[in-house]
């Protein structure tokens, strides 16, 4: 026996009511997605700071076993700032030939987990002086973080002061050589300092200024014009004293002298 419907009781939504519900859900989603995106980016930065902290401990262990001296710079004509630790480079590209294998890098003894050297927001770069572009620096050369033994701004940007050692800089130096360990940058993500080099094999070519933007940005990850650089350029850095932070380098990287000291960062030691 079928029970008759209760008078006045509707058994379904009208089309208009369904459309209203869908619209409300869409509005709520549009409000939540930016928040979720920022939370995801913040989690990536937290991961990067953790990575850098662990690598900083490895640097300290290396110095303890090497008369307090920092690791040497890498070999080959490219990527000397990226051969201190991490994974194997991608040797199928000519630019990467001659770079050190993971097991031959100075920090291999102390950190064998290559992912520790991988920034989850690594968006790679496209330097015009290389024969290939890459969307993940870690996958290409073995680490996302650049060893700041010397700034890599020359010749697009000169340093205001003469460097104490423009060739080796921090590499191979004892800890006492560093003027301010709490401000002196040891490792940094690419976005913290724009690349301004030329191809060592073709020094007559014009400089190749390359900016990278990895965190909190919808712009292309690799830029070749300062006018295209967004207002904020967030990057994680590790200092010689072992602490790691994430800072906004937007104003600095767009200046004519991006490697000059600020209240929080020192990129090189001046000659005195």
C-alpha atoms as a PDB file:
ATOM      1  CA  UNK A   1       0.000   0.000   0.000  1.00  0.00           C
ATOM      2  CA  UNK A   2       1.428   3.377  -1.027  1.00  0.00           C
ATOM      3  CA  UNK A   3       1.473   6.107   1.566  1.00  0.00           C
ATOM      4  CA  UNK A   4       0.065   9.305   0.103  1.00  0.00           C
ATOM      5  CA  UNK A   5       2.367  12.346   0.287  1.00  0.00           C
ATOM      6  CA  UNK A   6       1.851  14.704   3.175  1.00  0.00           C
ATOM      7  CA  UNK A   7       0.030  17.814   2.035  1.00  0.00           C
ATOM      8  CA  UNK A   8       2.414  20.796   1.623  1.00  0.00           C
ATOM      9  CA  UNK A   9       5.585  18.614   1.677  1.00  0.00           C
ATOM     10  CA  UNK A  10       7.926  19.034  -1.355  1.00  0.00           C
ATOM     11  CA  UNK A  11       9.930  15.978  -2.434  1.00  0.00           C
ATOM     12  CA  UNK A  12      12.675  17.786  -4.432  1.00  0.00           C
ATOM     13  CA  UNK A  13      14.543  21.079  -4.906  1.00  0.00           C
ATOM     14  CA  UNK A  14      13.488  23.374  -7.684  1.00  0.00           C
ATOM     15  CA  UNK A  15      15.996  24.218 -10.424  1.00  0.00           C
ATOM     16  CA  UNK A  16      16.407  27.736  -9.084  1.00  0.00           C
ATOM     17  CA  UNK A  17      17.199  26.424  -5.609  1.00  0.00           C
ATOM     18  CA  UNK A  18      19.857  24.075  -7.037  1.00  0.00           C
ATOM     19  CA  UNK A  19      21.427  26.912  -8.984  1.00  0.00           C
ATOM     20  CA  UNK A  20      21.542  29.068  -5.853  1.00  0.00           C
ATOM     21  CA  UNK A  21      23.279  26.281  -3.887  1.00  0.00           C
ATOM     22  CA  UNK A  22      25.814  25.745  -6.683  1.00  0.00           C
ATOM     23  CA  UNK A  23      26.518  29.494  -6.810  1.00  0.00           C
ATOM     24  CA  UNK A  24      27.081  29.609  -3.037  1.00  0.00           C
ATOM     25  CA  UNK A  25      29.455  26.655  -3.239  1.00  0.00           C
ATOM     26  CA  UNK A  26      31.343  28.397  -6.054  1.00  0.00           C
ATOM     27  CA  UNK A  27      31.682  31.605  -4.021  1.00  0.00           C
ATOM     28  CA  UNK A  28      32.923  29.706  -0.969  1.00  0.00           C
ATOM     29  CA  UNK A  29      35.436  27.799  -3.116  1.00  0.00           C
ATOM     30  CA  UNK A  30      36.738  31.045  -4.653  1.00  0.00           C
ATOM     31  CA  UNK A  31      37.255  32.433  -1.139  1.00  0.00           C
ATOM     32  CA  UNK A  32      38.976  29.322   0.170  1.00  0.00           C
ATOM     33  CA  UNK A  33      41.279  28.474  -2.738  1.00  0.00           C
ATOM     34  CA  UNK A  34      43.640  31.479  -2.303  1.00  0.00           C
ATOM     35  CA  UNK A  35      43.891  30.693   1.406  1.00  0.00           C
ATOM     36  CA  UNK A  36      44.673  27.057   0.669  1.00  0.00           C
ATOM     37  CA  UNK A  37      47.243  28.138  -1.939  1.00  0.00           C
ATOM     38  CA  UNK A  38      49.003  30.417   0.542  1.00  0.00           C
ATOM     39  CA  UNK A  39      48.984  27.664   3.153  1.00  0.00           C
ATOM     40  CA  UNK A  40      50.545  25.275   0.638  1.00  0.00           C
ATOM     41  CA  UNK A  41      53.266  27.797  -0.249  1.00  0.00           C
ATOM     42  CA  UNK A  42      53.922  28.460   3.427  1.00  0.00           C
ATOM     43  CA  UNK A  43      54.349  24.721   3.968  1.00  0.00           C
ATOM     44  CA  UNK A  44      56.893  24.645   1.137  1.00  0.00           C
ATOM     45  CA  UNK A  45      58.856  27.483   2.745  1.00  0.00           C
ATOM     46  CA  UNK A  46      58.812  25.670   6.070  1.00  0.00           C
ATOM     47  CA  UNK A  47      60.175  22.585   4.315  1.00  0.00           C
ATOM     48  CA  UNK A  48      62.923  24.678   2.702  1.00  0.00           C
ATOM     49  CA  UNK A  49      63.967  26.192   6.014  1.00  0.00           C
ATOM     50  CA  UNK A  50      64.109  22.712   7.520  1.00  0.00           C
ATOM     51  CA  UNK A  51      66.232  21.496   4.598  1.00  0.00           C
ATOM     52  CA  UNK A  52      68.616  24.404   4.957  1.00  0.00           C
ATOM     53  CA  UNK A  53      68.913  23.873   8.703  1.00  0.00           C
ATOM     54  CA  UNK A  54      69.921  20.232   8.148  1.00  0.00           C
ATOM     55  CA  UNK A  55      72.417  21.215   5.451  1.00  0.00           C
ATOM     56  CA  UNK A  56      73.832  23.830   7.800  1.00  0.00           C
ATOM     57  CA  UNK A  57      74.543  21.076  10.344  1.00  0.00           C
ATOM     58  CA  UNK A  58      76.336  19.121   7.598  1.00  0.00           C
ATOM     59  CA  UNK A  59      78.483  22.168   6.809  1.00  0.00           C
ATOM     60  CA  UNK A  60      79.388  22.415  10.481  1.00  0.00           C
ATOM     61  CA  UNK A  61      80.343  18.735  10.590  1.00  0.00           C
ATOM     62  CA  UNK A  62      82.478  19.153   7.481  1.00  0.00           C
ATOM     63  CA  UNK A  63      84.281  22.119   9.048  1.00  0.00           C
ATOM     64  CA  UNK A  64      84.871  20.190  12.266  1.00  0.00           C
ATOM     65  CA  UNK A  65      86.732  17.545  10.264  1.00  0.00           C
ATOM     66  CA  UNK A  66      88.556  19.943   7.944  1.00  0.00           C
ATOM     67  CA  UNK A  67      90.376  22.395  10.195  1.00  0.00           C
ATOM     68  CA  UNK A  68      87.314  24.685  10.418  1.00  0.00           C
ATOM     69  CA  UNK A  69      87.411  25.361   6.656  1.00  0.00           C
ATOM     70  CA  UNK A  70      84.431  25.618   4.340  1.00  0.00           C
ATOM     71  CA  UNK A  71      84.084  23.250   1.355  1.00  0.00           C
ATOM     72  CA  UNK A  72      85.804  24.139  -1.917  1.00  0.00           C
ATOM     73  CA  UNK A  73      83.905  25.376  -4.944  1.00  0.00           C
ATOM     74  CA  UNK A  74      82.862  22.874  -7.598  1.00  0.00           C
ATOM     75  CA  UNK A  75      84.660  21.947 -10.780  1.00  0.00           C
ATOM     76  CA  UNK A  76      83.811  22.374 -14.504  1.00  0.00           C
ATOM     77  CA  UNK A  77      82.941  25.653 -16.215  1.00  0.00           C
ATOM     78  CA  UNK A  78      79.313  25.666 -15.018  1.00  0.00           C
ATOM     79  CA  UNK A  79      77.517  25.154 -11.704  1.00  0.00           C
ATOM     80  CA  UNK A  80      80.475  25.649  -9.359  1.00  0.00           C
ATOM     81  CA  UNK A  81      78.062  26.950  -6.726  1.00  0.00           C
ATOM     82  CA  UNK A  82      75.928  23.786  -6.797  1.00  0.00           C
ATOM     83  CA  UNK A  83      78.439  20.946  -6.348  1.00  0.00           C
ATOM     84  CA  UNK A  84      78.810  20.868  -2.567  1.00  0.00           C
ATOM     85  CA  UNK A  85      76.145  18.196  -1.934  1.00  0.00           C
ATOM     86  CA  UNK A  86      72.868  16.683  -3.101  1.00  0.00           C
ATOM     87  CA  UNK A  87      72.175  14.257  -5.935  1.00  0.00           C
ATOM     88  CA  UNK A  88      73.764  13.421  -9.273  1.00  0.00           C
ATOM     89  CA  UNK A  89      73.496  16.008 -12.047  1.00  0.00           C
ATOM     90  CA  UNK A  90      71.745  15.277 -15.324  1.00  0.00           C
ATOM     91  CA  UNK A  91      74.777  14.494 -17.480  1.00  0.00           C
ATOM     92  CA  UNK A  92      72.822  14.204 -20.712  1.00  0.00           C
ATOM     93  CA  UNK A  93      73.173  17.982 -21.108  1.00  0.00           C
ATOM     94  CA  UNK A  94      76.514  19.384 -22.291  1.00  0.00           C
ATOM     95  CA  UNK A  95      76.361  22.186 -19.711  1.00  0.00           C
ATOM     96  CA  UNK A  96      76.455  19.604 -16.915  1.00  0.00           C
ATOM     97  CA  UNK A  97      79.377  17.539 -18.160  1.00  0.00           C
ATOM     98  CA  UNK A  98      82.303  17.480 -15.758  1.00  0.00           C
ATOM     99  CA  UNK A  99      80.219  18.364 -12.705  1.00  0.00           C
ATOM    100  CA  UNK A 100      80.750  16.243  -9.610  1.00  0.00           C
ATOM    101  CA  UNK A 101      78.737  13.109  -8.904  1.00  0.00           C
ATOM    102  CA  UNK A 102      76.823  13.057  -5.625  1.00  0.00           C
ATOM    103  CA  UNK A 103      79.320  10.684  -3.999  1.00  0.00           C
ATOM    104  CA  UNK A 104      82.215  13.027  -4.806  1.00  0.00           C
ATOM    105  CA  UNK A 105      80.672  16.132  -3.308  1.00  0.00           C
ATOM    106  CA  UNK A 106      82.026  17.449   0.018  1.00  0.00           C
ATOM    107  CA  UNK A 107      78.838  16.943   2.058  1.00  0.00           C
ATOM    108  CA  UNK A 108      78.066  13.421   0.811  1.00  0.00           C
ATOM    109  CA  UNK A 109      79.538  11.875   3.965  1.00  0.00           C
ATOM    110  CA  UNK A 110      77.155  13.869   6.159  1.00  0.00           C
ATOM    111  CA  UNK A 111      73.884  13.876   4.154  1.00  0.00           C
ATOM    112  CA  UNK A 112      73.192  11.052   1.715  1.00  0.00           C
ATOM    113  CA  UNK A 113      69.466  11.783   1.378  1.00  0.00           C
ATOM    114  CA  UNK A 114      69.429  13.819  -1.825  1.00  0.00           C
ATOM    115  CA  UNK A 115      65.870  15.114  -1.251  1.00  0.00           C
ATOM    116  CA  UNK A 116      67.196  17.219   1.627  1.00  0.00           C
ATOM    117  CA  UNK A 117      68.684  19.448  -1.079  1.00  0.00           C
ATOM    118  CA  UNK A 118      65.383  19.785  -2.978  1.00  0.00           C
ATOM    119  CA  UNK A 119      63.193  22.846  -2.541  1.00  0.00           C
ATOM    120  CA  UNK A 120      59.571  21.726  -3.148  1.00  0.00           C
ATOM    121  CA  UNK A 121      58.896  25.034  -4.945  1.00  0.00           C
ATOM    122  CA  UNK A 122      61.976  24.747  -7.195  1.00  0.00           C
ATOM    123  CA  UNK A 123      60.900  26.151 -10.553  1.00  0.00           C
ATOM    124  CA  UNK A 124      64.291  26.050 -12.249  1.00  0.00           C
ATOM    125  CA  UNK A 125      65.491  28.811 -14.561  1.00  0.00           C
ATOM    126  CA  UNK A 126      66.358  29.584 -18.144  1.00  0.00           C
ATOM    127  CA  UNK A 127      69.787  31.262 -18.328  1.00  0.00           C
ATOM    128  CA  UNK A 128      70.450  32.278 -21.914  1.00  0.00           C
ATOM    129  CA  UNK A 129      74.098  31.273 -21.576  1.00  0.00           C
ATOM    130  CA  UNK A 130      73.188  27.587 -21.178  1.00  0.00           C
ATOM    131  CA  UNK A 131      72.241  25.250 -23.999  1.00  0.00           C
ATOM    132  CA  UNK A 132      69.201  23.954 -22.132  1.00  0.00           C
ATOM    133  CA  UNK A 133      66.548  25.263 -19.803  1.00  0.00           C
ATOM    134  CA  UNK A 134      65.198  23.351 -16.817  1.00  0.00           C
ATOM    135  CA  UNK A 135      62.122  23.541 -14.630  1.00  0.00           C
ATOM    136  CA  UNK A 136      63.769  22.062 -11.537  1.00  0.00           C
ATOM    137  CA  UNK A 137      67.321  22.987 -10.518  1.00  0.00           C
ATOM    138  CA  UNK A 138      67.548  19.953  -8.243  1.00  0.00           C
ATOM    139  CA  UNK A 139      66.665  17.550 -11.060  1.00  0.00           C
ATOM    140  CA  UNK A 140      69.187  19.252 -13.326  1.00  0.00           C
ATOM    141  CA  UNK A 141      72.253  19.703 -11.124  1.00  0.00           C
ATOM    142  CA  UNK A 142      71.484  17.906  -7.842  1.00  0.00           C
ATOM    143  CA  UNK A 143      70.527  20.727  -5.471  1.00  0.00           C
ATOM    144  CA  UNK A 144      68.100  23.645  -5.327  1.00  0.00           C
ATOM    145  CA  UNK A 145      70.315  25.705  -3.039  1.00  0.00           C
ATOM    146  CA  UNK A 146      73.312  27.725  -4.235  1.00  0.00           C
ATOM    147  CA  UNK A 147      76.533  27.778  -2.214  1.00  0.00           C
ATOM    148  CA  UNK A 148      77.376  31.447  -1.757  1.00  0.00           C
ATOM    149  CA  UNK A 149      81.158  31.131  -1.839  1.00  0.00           C
ATOM    150  CA  UNK A 150      81.078  34.295  -4.001  1.00  0.00           C
ATOM    151  CA  UNK A 151      78.088  36.245  -5.412  1.00  0.00           C
ATOM    152  CA  UNK A 152      77.297  35.282  -8.998  1.00  0.00           C
ATOM    153  CA  UNK A 153      76.207  38.734 -10.125  1.00  0.00           C
ATOM    154  CA  UNK A 154      79.232  39.729 -12.243  1.00  0.00           C
ATOM    155  CA  UNK A 155      79.377  41.034 -14.974  1.00  0.00           C
ATOM    156  CA  UNK A 156      75.759  42.211 -15.151  1.00  0.00           C
ATOM    157  CA  UNK A 157      76.192  43.857 -11.765  1.00  0.00           C
ATOM    158  CA  UNK A 158      79.451  44.786 -10.078  1.00  0.00           C
ATOM    159  CA  UNK A 159      79.850  44.824  -6.316  1.00  0.00           C
ATOM    160  CA  UNK A 160      80.181  48.302  -4.855  1.00  0.00           C
ATOM    161  CA  UNK A 161      83.204  47.310  -2.811  1.00  0.00           C
ATOM    162  CA  UNK A 162      86.227  45.315  -3.950  1.00  0.00           C
ATOM    163  CA  UNK A 163      85.859  41.719  -2.767  1.00  0.00           C
ATOM    164  CA  UNK A 164      88.474  40.271  -0.423  1.00  0.00           C
ATOM    165  CA  UNK A 165      88.652  37.205  -2.681  1.00  0.00           C
ATOM    166  CA  UNK A 166      86.568  37.447  -5.851  1.00  0.00           C
ATOM    167  CA  UNK A 167      87.716  34.016  -7.077  1.00  0.00           C
ATOM    168  CA  UNK A 168      87.276  31.633  -4.147  1.00  0.00           C
ATOM    169  CA  UNK A 169      85.538  33.849  -1.612  1.00  0.00           C
ATOM    170  CA  UNK A 170      84.240  31.734   1.259  1.00  0.00           C
ATOM    171  CA  UNK A 171      85.376  28.431  -0.301  1.00  0.00           C
ATOM    172  CA  UNK A 172      88.259  26.873   1.616  1.00  0.00           C
ATOM    173  CA  UNK A 173      88.345  29.666   4.188  1.00  0.00           C
ATOM    174  CA  UNK A 174      88.318  29.154   7.981  1.00  0.00           C
ATOM    175  CA  UNK A 175      85.338  30.298  10.015  1.00  0.00           C
ATOM    176  CA  UNK A 176      87.263  33.307  11.331  1.00  0.00           C
ATOM    177  CA  UNK A 177      87.407  34.712   7.789  1.00  0.00           C
ATOM    178  CA  UNK A 178      83.650  35.458   7.857  1.00  0.00           C
ATOM    179  CA  UNK A 179      83.008  39.025   9.084  1.00  0.00           C
ATOM    180  CA  UNK A 180      79.472  38.534  10.419  1.00  0.00           C
ATOM    181  CA  UNK A 181      78.265  34.884  10.637  1.00  0.00           C
ATOM    182  CA  UNK A 182      74.704  35.870  11.588  1.00  0.00           C
ATOM    183  CA  UNK A 183      74.318  37.940   8.380  1.00  0.00           C
ATOM    184  CA  UNK A 184      76.706  36.220   5.964  1.00  0.00           C
ATOM    185  CA  UNK A 185      74.736  34.077   3.500  1.00  0.00           C
ATOM    186  CA  UNK A 186      75.975  30.478   3.205  1.00  0.00           C
ATOM    187  CA  UNK A 187      73.251  28.974   0.993  1.00  0.00           C
ATOM    188  CA  UNK A 188      70.371  30.574  -0.886  1.00  0.00           C
ATOM    189  CA  UNK A 189      67.618  29.738  -3.300  1.00  0.00           C
ATOM    190  CA  UNK A 190      68.141  31.155  -6.779  1.00  0.00           C
ATOM    191  CA  UNK A 191      65.471  33.913  -6.380  1.00  0.00           C
ATOM    192  CA  UNK A 192      67.424  35.575  -3.554  1.00  0.00           C
ATOM    193  CA  UNK A 193      70.126  36.857  -5.922  1.00  0.00           C
ATOM    194  CA  UNK A 194      69.768  37.223  -9.706  1.00  0.00           C
ATOM    195  CA  UNK A 195      72.227  35.430 -11.927  1.00  0.00           C
ATOM    196  CA  UNK A 196      74.315  37.868 -13.926  1.00  0.00           C
ATOM    197  CA  UNK A 197      77.050  35.794 -15.501  1.00  0.00           C
ATOM    198  CA  UNK A 198      78.338  35.121 -18.971  1.00  0.00           C
ATOM    199  CA  UNK A 199      79.241  31.808 -20.544  1.00  0.00           C
ATOM    200  CA  UNK A 200      82.844  31.038 -19.455  1.00  0.00           C
ATOM    201  CA  UNK A 201      83.412  29.421 -22.851  1.00  0.00           C
ATOM    202  CA  UNK A 202      82.184  32.553 -24.676  1.00  0.00           C
ATOM    203  CA  UNK A 203      83.121  35.559 -22.513  1.00  0.00           C
ATOM    204  CA  UNK A 204      82.530  37.973 -25.386  1.00  0.00           C
ATOM    205  CA  UNK A 205      78.782  37.320 -25.271  1.00  0.00           C
ATOM    206  CA  UNK A 206      76.622  39.959 -23.577  1.00  0.00           C
ATOM    207  CA  UNK A 207      75.708  39.350 -19.927  1.00  0.00           C
ATOM    208  CA  UNK A 208      72.657  37.237 -19.172  1.00  0.00           C
ATOM    209  CA  UNK A 209      70.684  38.660 -16.246  1.00  0.00           C
ATOM    210  CA  UNK A 210      68.292  35.961 -15.078  1.00  0.00           C
ATOM    211  CA  UNK A 211      65.809  36.378 -12.247  1.00  0.00           C
ATOM    212  CA  UNK A 212      63.943  33.421 -10.767  1.00  0.00           C
ATOM    213  CA  UNK A 213      60.635  33.491  -8.880  1.00  0.00           C
ATOM    214  CA  UNK A 214      59.621  30.294  -7.088  1.00  0.00           C
ATOM    215  CA  UNK A 215      57.382  31.102  -4.103  1.00  0.00           C
ATOM    216  CA  UNK A 216      54.002  32.890  -3.909  1.00  0.00           C
ATOM    217  CA  UNK A 217      53.941  33.987  -7.545  1.00  0.00           C
ATOM    218  CA  UNK A 218      51.966  33.255 -10.698  1.00  0.00           C
ATOM    219  CA  UNK A 219      54.569  34.918 -12.928  1.00  0.00           C
ATOM    220  CA  UNK A 220      56.911  32.817 -15.100  1.00  0.00           C
ATOM    221  CA  UNK A 221      59.549  31.080 -12.989  1.00  0.00           C
ATOM    222  CA  UNK A 222      62.425  32.524 -15.045  1.00  0.00           C
ATOM    223  CA  UNK A 223      62.639  36.164 -16.131  1.00  0.00           C
ATOM    224  CA  UNK A 224      65.101  38.178 -18.211  1.00  0.00           C
ATOM    225  CA  UNK A 225      63.763  41.682 -17.676  1.00  0.00           C
ATOM    226  CA  UNK A 226      63.752  43.550 -14.390  1.00  0.00           C
ATOM    227  CA  UNK A 227      60.415  45.120 -15.320  1.00  0.00           C
ATOM    228  CA  UNK A 228      58.844  41.644 -15.274  1.00  0.00           C
ATOM    229  CA  UNK A 229      60.006  40.865 -11.726  1.00  0.00           C
ATOM    230  CA  UNK A 230      57.063  40.962  -9.285  1.00  0.00           C
ATOM    231  CA  UNK A 231      56.974  43.263  -6.290  1.00  0.00           C
ATOM    232  CA  UNK A 232      57.646  40.399  -3.875  1.00  0.00           C
ATOM    233  CA  UNK A 233      60.337  37.775  -4.422  1.00  0.00           C
ATOM    234  CA  UNK A 234      60.360  35.339  -1.502  1.00  0.00           C
ATOM    235  CA  UNK A 235      63.365  33.080  -0.974  1.00  0.00           C
ATOM    236  CA  UNK A 236      64.847  30.963   1.813  1.00  0.00           C
ATOM    237  CA  UNK A 237      68.449  31.482   2.862  1.00  0.00           C
ATOM    238  CA  UNK A 238      70.872  29.870   5.322  1.00  0.00           C
ATOM    239  CA  UNK A 239      73.443  31.900   7.206  1.00  0.00           C
ATOM    240  CA  UNK A 240      76.897  30.864   8.337  1.00  0.00           C
ATOM    241  CA  UNK A 241      75.818  30.761  11.989  1.00  0.00           C
ATOM    242  CA  UNK A 242      73.288  28.030  11.095  1.00  0.00           C
ATOM    243  CA  UNK A 243      69.934  29.819  11.180  1.00  0.00           C
ATOM    244  CA  UNK A 244      67.631  29.833   8.142  1.00  0.00           C
ATOM    245  CA  UNK A 245      64.929  32.339   7.230  1.00  0.00           C
ATOM    246  CA  UNK A 246      62.557  33.176   4.404  1.00  0.00           C
ATOM    247  CA  UNK A 247      62.666  36.822   3.327  1.00  0.00           C
ATOM    248  CA  UNK A 248      61.348  39.139   0.642  1.00  0.00           C
ATOM    249  CA  UNK A 249      64.171  40.064  -1.750  1.00  0.00           C
ATOM    250  CA  UNK A 250      61.928  41.872  -4.246  1.00  0.00           C
ATOM    251  CA  UNK A 251      63.382  45.344  -3.762  1.00  0.00           C
ATOM    252  CA  UNK A 252      66.988  44.164  -3.610  1.00  0.00           C
ATOM    253  CA  UNK A 253      66.994  41.913  -6.690  1.00  0.00           C
ATOM    254  CA  UNK A 254      65.636  44.750  -8.824  1.00  0.00           C
ATOM    255  CA  UNK A 255      68.403  47.156  -7.799  1.00  0.00           C
ATOM    256  CA  UNK A 256      71.604  47.848  -9.732  1.00  0.00           C
ATOM    257  CA  UNK A 257      73.691  46.418  -6.887  1.00  0.00           C
ATOM    258  CA  UNK A 258      71.778  43.358  -5.635  1.00  0.00           C
ATOM    259  CA  UNK A 259      74.726  41.806  -3.779  1.00  0.00           C
ATOM    260  CA  UNK A 260      75.388  44.761  -1.496  1.00  0.00           C
ATOM    261  CA  UNK A 261      74.988  44.251   2.270  1.00  0.00           C
ATOM    262  CA  UNK A 262      71.664  45.012   3.931  1.00  0.00           C
ATOM    263  CA  UNK A 263      70.566  45.040   7.561  1.00  0.00           C
ATOM    264  CA  UNK A 264      69.987  41.276   7.365  1.00  0.00           C
ATOM    265  CA  UNK A 265      72.189  39.869   4.553  1.00  0.00           C
ATOM    266  CA  UNK A 266      75.856  39.975   3.557  1.00  0.00           C
ATOM    267  CA  UNK A 267      76.850  38.270   0.290  1.00  0.00           C
ATOM    268  CA  UNK A 268      80.626  38.884   0.226  1.00  0.00           C
ATOM    269  CA  UNK A 269      83.549  40.072   2.294  1.00  0.00           C
ATOM    270  CA  UNK A 270      85.025  43.391   1.178  1.00  0.00           C
ATOM    271  CA  UNK A 271      88.747  43.926   0.826  1.00  0.00           C
ATOM    272  CA  UNK A 272      90.197  46.109   3.567  1.00  0.00           C
END
